[in-house]
Amino acid sequence: VPLQGTHNNWIENQIRPIAIGRKNWLFAGSLRAGKRAAAIMSLIQSARLNGHEPYAYLKDVLTRLPTQPQSRIGELLPHRWRPEST
């Protein structure tokens, strides 16, 4: 039996920040800047959906990225990322 009315509240709540900010992002500066902003927002949301705190994820990935071998770059994606042990 399908739910009536509000069965998609969860997804609506997930995309609300994007919908609210849409007018602000119209003026990203250029098409390239807009694409870059979209990629960063996607990465942050993917980190959240994978149970990571976005700031900790981005800080770790941006620190490791310069020395990460190209053959292992996929390890830094949110669904495969593990914090570097200290």
N, C-alpha and C. Protein backbone atom coordinates (compact mmCIF):
# COMPACT_ATOMS: atom_id res chain seq x y z
N VAL A 1 0.85 -1.18 0.00
CA VAL A 1 0.00 0.00 0.00
C VAL A 1 0.89 1.23 0.00
N PRO A 2 0.81 2.05 -1.02
CA PRO A 2 1.65 3.26 -1.05
C PRO A 2 1.22 4.27 0.00
N LEU A 3 2.19 5.01 0.51
CA LEU A 3 1.89 6.07 1.47
C LEU A 3 1.19 7.20 0.76
N GLN A 4 0.32 7.86 1.45
CA GLN A 4 -0.43 8.97 0.85
C GLN A 4 0.24 10.30 1.17
N GLY A 5 0.34 11.16 0.19
CA GLY A 5 0.74 12.54 0.41
C GLY A 5 2.22 12.81 0.61
N THR A 6 2.77 12.51 1.77
CA THR A 6 4.11 12.97 2.13
C THR A 6 5.14 11.86 2.15
N HIS A 7 5.06 10.91 1.25
CA HIS A 7 6.00 9.80 1.25
C HIS A 7 7.39 10.20 0.76
N ASN A 8 7.56 11.40 0.22
CA ASN A 8 8.87 11.81 -0.25
C ASN A 8 9.46 12.95 0.58
N ASN A 9 9.03 13.08 1.83
CA ASN A 9 9.55 14.15 2.70
C ASN A 9 11.06 14.07 2.87
N TRP A 10 11.59 12.86 3.01
CA TRP A 10 13.03 12.72 3.26
C TRP A 10 13.83 13.33 2.11
N ILE A 11 13.48 12.96 0.88
CA ILE A 11 14.24 13.48 -0.25
C ILE A 11 14.01 14.98 -0.42
N GLU A 12 12.81 15.45 -0.16
CA GLU A 12 12.55 16.88 -0.23
C GLU A 12 13.42 17.64 0.77
N ASN A 13 13.57 17.10 1.96
CA ASN A 13 14.43 17.73 2.97
C ASN A 13 15.89 17.71 2.55
N GLN A 14 16.31 16.70 1.82
CA GLN A 14 17.70 16.60 1.38
C GLN A 14 18.03 17.64 0.31
N ILE A 15 17.07 17.94 -0.56
CA ILE A 15 17.35 18.89 -1.65
C ILE A 15 16.92 20.32 -1.34
N ARG A 16 16.27 20.54 -0.21
CA ARG A 16 15.81 21.88 0.15
C ARG A 16 16.93 22.92 0.14
N PRO A 17 18.11 22.67 0.75
CA PRO A 17 19.16 23.70 0.72
C PRO A 17 19.57 24.08 -0.70
N ILE A 18 19.55 23.14 -1.61
CA ILE A 18 19.91 23.44 -3.00
C ILE A 18 18.83 24.30 -3.64
N ALA A 19 17.57 23.93 -3.41
CA ALA A 19 16.47 24.71 -3.99
C ALA A 19 16.44 26.13 -3.44
N ILE A 20 16.68 26.28 -2.16
CA ILE A 20 16.65 27.61 -1.53
C ILE A 20 17.81 28.47 -2.04
N GLY A 21 18.96 27.88 -2.24
CA GLY A 21 20.14 28.64 -2.66
C GLY A 21 20.24 28.86 -4.16
N ARG A 22 19.33 28.29 -4.93
CA ARG A 22 19.43 28.34 -6.39
C ARG A 22 19.62 29.75 -6.94
N LYS A 23 18.84 30.70 -6.45
CA LYS A 23 18.97 32.08 -6.95
C LYS A 23 20.33 32.67 -6.61
N ASN A 24 20.86 32.32 -5.44
CA ASN A 24 22.19 32.83 -5.07
C ASN A 24 23.27 32.28 -5.99
N TRP A 25 23.09 31.07 -6.46
CA TRP A 25 24.12 30.42 -7.26
C TRP A 25 24.02 30.77 -8.74
N LEU A 26 23.01 31.53 -9.14
CA LEU A 26 22.91 31.95 -10.53
C LEU A 26 24.11 32.80 -10.93
N PHE A 27 24.70 33.46 -9.97
CA PHE A 27 25.78 34.39 -10.26
C PHE A 27 27.10 33.87 -9.71
N ALA A 28 27.45 32.66 -10.08
CA ALA A 28 28.69 32.03 -9.62
C ALA A 28 29.92 32.67 -10.25
N GLY A 29 29.74 33.45 -11.27
CA GLY A 29 30.86 34.13 -11.92
C GLY A 29 31.08 33.66 -13.33
N SER A 30 30.95 32.36 -13.56
CA SER A 30 31.13 31.80 -14.90
C SER A 30 30.56 30.39 -14.91
N LEU A 31 30.42 29.84 -16.09
CA LEU A 31 29.95 28.47 -16.21
C LEU A 31 30.91 27.51 -15.50
N ARG A 32 32.20 27.76 -15.67
CA ARG A 32 33.21 26.90 -15.03
C ARG A 32 33.09 26.97 -13.50
N ALA A 33 32.90 28.17 -12.96
CA ALA A 33 32.74 28.32 -11.51
C ALA A 33 31.47 27.63 -11.03
N GLY A 34 30.42 27.71 -11.80
CA GLY A 34 29.17 27.03 -11.44
C GLY A 34 29.34 25.52 -11.42
N LYS A 35 30.03 24.99 -12.40
CA LYS A 35 30.29 23.54 -12.43
C LYS A 35 31.16 23.12 -11.25
N ARG A 36 32.14 23.95 -10.91
CA ARG A 36 33.01 23.65 -9.78
C ARG A 36 32.20 23.65 -8.48
N ALA A 37 31.32 24.65 -8.31
CA ALA A 37 30.48 24.72 -7.11
C ALA A 37 29.57 23.50 -7.02
N ALA A 38 29.01 23.08 -8.15
CA ALA A 38 28.14 21.90 -8.16
C ALA A 38 28.91 20.64 -7.76
N ALA A 39 30.13 20.52 -8.25
CA ALA A 39 30.95 19.36 -7.90
C ALA A 39 31.26 19.33 -6.40
N ILE A 40 31.61 20.49 -5.84
CA ILE A 40 31.91 20.56 -4.41
C ILE A 40 30.67 20.23 -3.58
N MET A 41 29.52 20.79 -3.96
CA MET A 41 28.29 20.51 -3.21
C MET A 41 27.92 19.04 -3.30
N SER A 42 28.12 18.43 -4.46
CA SER A 42 27.86 17.00 -4.60
C SER A 42 28.78 16.17 -3.71
N LEU A 43 30.03 16.55 -3.67
CA LEU A 43 31.01 15.85 -2.83
C LEU A 43 30.64 15.96 -1.35
N ILE A 44 30.24 17.15 -0.92
CA ILE A 44 29.86 17.36 0.47
C ILE A 44 28.62 16.55 0.82
N GLN A 45 27.62 16.57 -0.05
CA GLN A 45 26.40 15.80 0.22
C GLN A 45 26.69 14.30 0.20
N SER A 46 27.54 13.85 -0.69
CA SER A 46 27.91 12.43 -0.72
C SER A 46 28.62 12.03 0.57
N ALA A 47 29.47 12.91 1.08
CA ALA A 47 30.15 12.63 2.35
C ALA A 47 29.11 12.48 3.46
N ARG A 48 28.14 13.40 3.51
CA ARG A 48 27.08 13.31 4.53
C ARG A 48 26.31 12.00 4.42
N LEU A 49 25.91 11.65 3.20
CA LEU A 49 25.13 10.44 2.99
C LEU A 49 25.91 9.18 3.34
N ASN A 50 27.23 9.27 3.32
CA ASN A 50 28.07 8.13 3.70
C ASN A 50 28.48 8.18 5.17
N GLY A 51 27.87 9.08 5.94
CA GLY A 51 28.09 9.13 7.38
C GLY A 51 29.33 9.90 7.82
N HIS A 52 29.90 10.71 6.95
CA HIS A 52 31.10 11.47 7.29
C HIS A 52 30.74 12.91 7.63
N GLU A 53 31.51 13.51 8.51
CA GLU A 53 31.36 14.94 8.80
C GLU A 53 32.08 15.65 7.66
N PRO A 54 31.37 16.48 6.88
CA PRO A 54 31.97 17.06 5.68
C PRO A 54 33.27 17.82 5.89
N TYR A 55 33.40 18.61 6.95
CA TYR A 55 34.63 19.36 7.16
C TYR A 55 35.81 18.41 7.38
N ALA A 56 35.62 17.40 8.21
CA ALA A 56 36.71 16.44 8.48
C ALA A 56 37.07 15.69 7.19
N TYR A 57 36.06 15.32 6.42
CA TYR A 57 36.31 14.62 5.16
C TYR A 57 37.13 15.49 4.21
N LEU A 58 36.66 16.72 3.96
CA LEU A 58 37.36 17.59 3.03
C LEU A 58 38.76 17.95 3.51
N LYS A 59 38.91 18.19 4.79
CA LYS A 59 40.23 18.53 5.33
C LYS A 59 41.22 17.38 5.10
N ASP A 60 40.78 16.16 5.38
CA ASP A 60 41.64 15.00 5.20
C ASP A 60 41.96 14.77 3.73
N VAL A 61 40.93 14.81 2.88
CA VAL A 61 41.14 14.55 1.46
C VAL A 61 42.04 15.61 0.83
N LEU A 62 41.81 16.87 1.15
CA LEU A 62 42.64 17.93 0.55
C LEU A 62 44.08 17.88 1.06
N THR A 63 44.29 17.36 2.26
CA THR A 63 45.64 17.19 2.78
C THR A 63 46.35 16.03 2.09
N ARG A 64 45.62 14.95 1.84
CA ARG A 64 46.22 13.76 1.24
C ARG A 64 46.33 13.82 -0.28
N LEU A 65 45.49 14.60 -0.91
CA LEU A 65 45.41 14.63 -2.37
C LEU A 65 46.74 14.87 -3.08
N PRO A 66 47.56 15.80 -2.64
CA PRO A 66 48.82 16.05 -3.38
C PRO A 66 49.77 14.86 -3.43
N THR A 67 49.72 13.97 -2.45
CA THR A 67 50.65 12.84 -2.43
C THR A 67 49.96 11.50 -2.74
N GLN A 68 48.67 11.53 -3.00
CA GLN A 68 47.93 10.30 -3.29
C GLN A 68 48.29 9.82 -4.70
N PRO A 69 48.73 8.58 -4.85
CA PRO A 69 49.03 8.06 -6.19
C PRO A 69 47.77 8.09 -7.06
N GLN A 70 47.92 8.44 -8.31
CA GLN A 70 46.77 8.52 -9.21
C GLN A 70 46.02 7.19 -9.28
N SER A 71 46.73 6.09 -9.19
CA SER A 71 46.09 4.77 -9.26
C SER A 71 45.21 4.49 -8.05
N ARG A 72 45.35 5.28 -6.97
CA ARG A 72 44.57 5.06 -5.75
C ARG A 72 43.67 6.25 -5.42
N ILE A 73 43.39 7.11 -6.38
CA ILE A 73 42.60 8.31 -6.14
C ILE A 73 41.16 7.95 -5.75
N GLY A 74 40.67 6.83 -6.22
CA GLY A 74 39.31 6.38 -5.89
C GLY A 74 39.10 6.13 -4.40
N GLU A 75 40.18 5.89 -3.67
CA GLU A 75 40.09 5.68 -2.22
C GLU A 75 39.63 6.93 -1.49
N LEU A 76 39.74 8.08 -2.13
CA LEU A 76 39.36 9.34 -1.50
C LEU A 76 37.90 9.72 -1.74
N LEU A 77 37.19 8.94 -2.55
CA LEU A 77 35.77 9.21 -2.77
C LEU A 77 34.98 8.88 -1.50
N PRO A 78 33.90 9.59 -1.25
CA PRO A 78 33.18 9.42 0.03
C PRO A 78 32.75 7.99 0.35
N HIS A 79 32.37 7.22 -0.63
CA HIS A 79 31.91 5.86 -0.33
C HIS A 79 33.05 4.89 -0.03
N ARG A 80 34.30 5.28 -0.28
CA ARG A 80 35.45 4.42 0.02
C ARG A 80 36.41 5.01 1.03
N TRP A 81 36.22 6.27 1.37
CA TRP A 81 37.15 7.00 2.24
C TRP A 81 37.18 6.46 3.66
N ARG A 82 38.36 6.36 4.19
CA ARG A 82 38.59 6.04 5.60
C ARG A 82 39.56 7.09 6.12
N PRO A 83 39.27 7.69 7.28
CA PRO A 83 40.19 8.69 7.82
C PRO A 83 41.59 8.12 7.98
N GLU A 84 42.58 8.93 7.69
CA GLU A 84 43.96 8.50 7.86
C GLU A 84 44.24 8.33 9.33
N SER A 85 44.79 7.20 9.71
CA SER A 85 45.10 6.98 11.14
C SER A 85 46.34 7.79 11.52
N THR A 86 46.29 8.34 12.73
CA THR A 86 47.41 9.17 13.17
C THR A 86 48.22 8.50 14.24
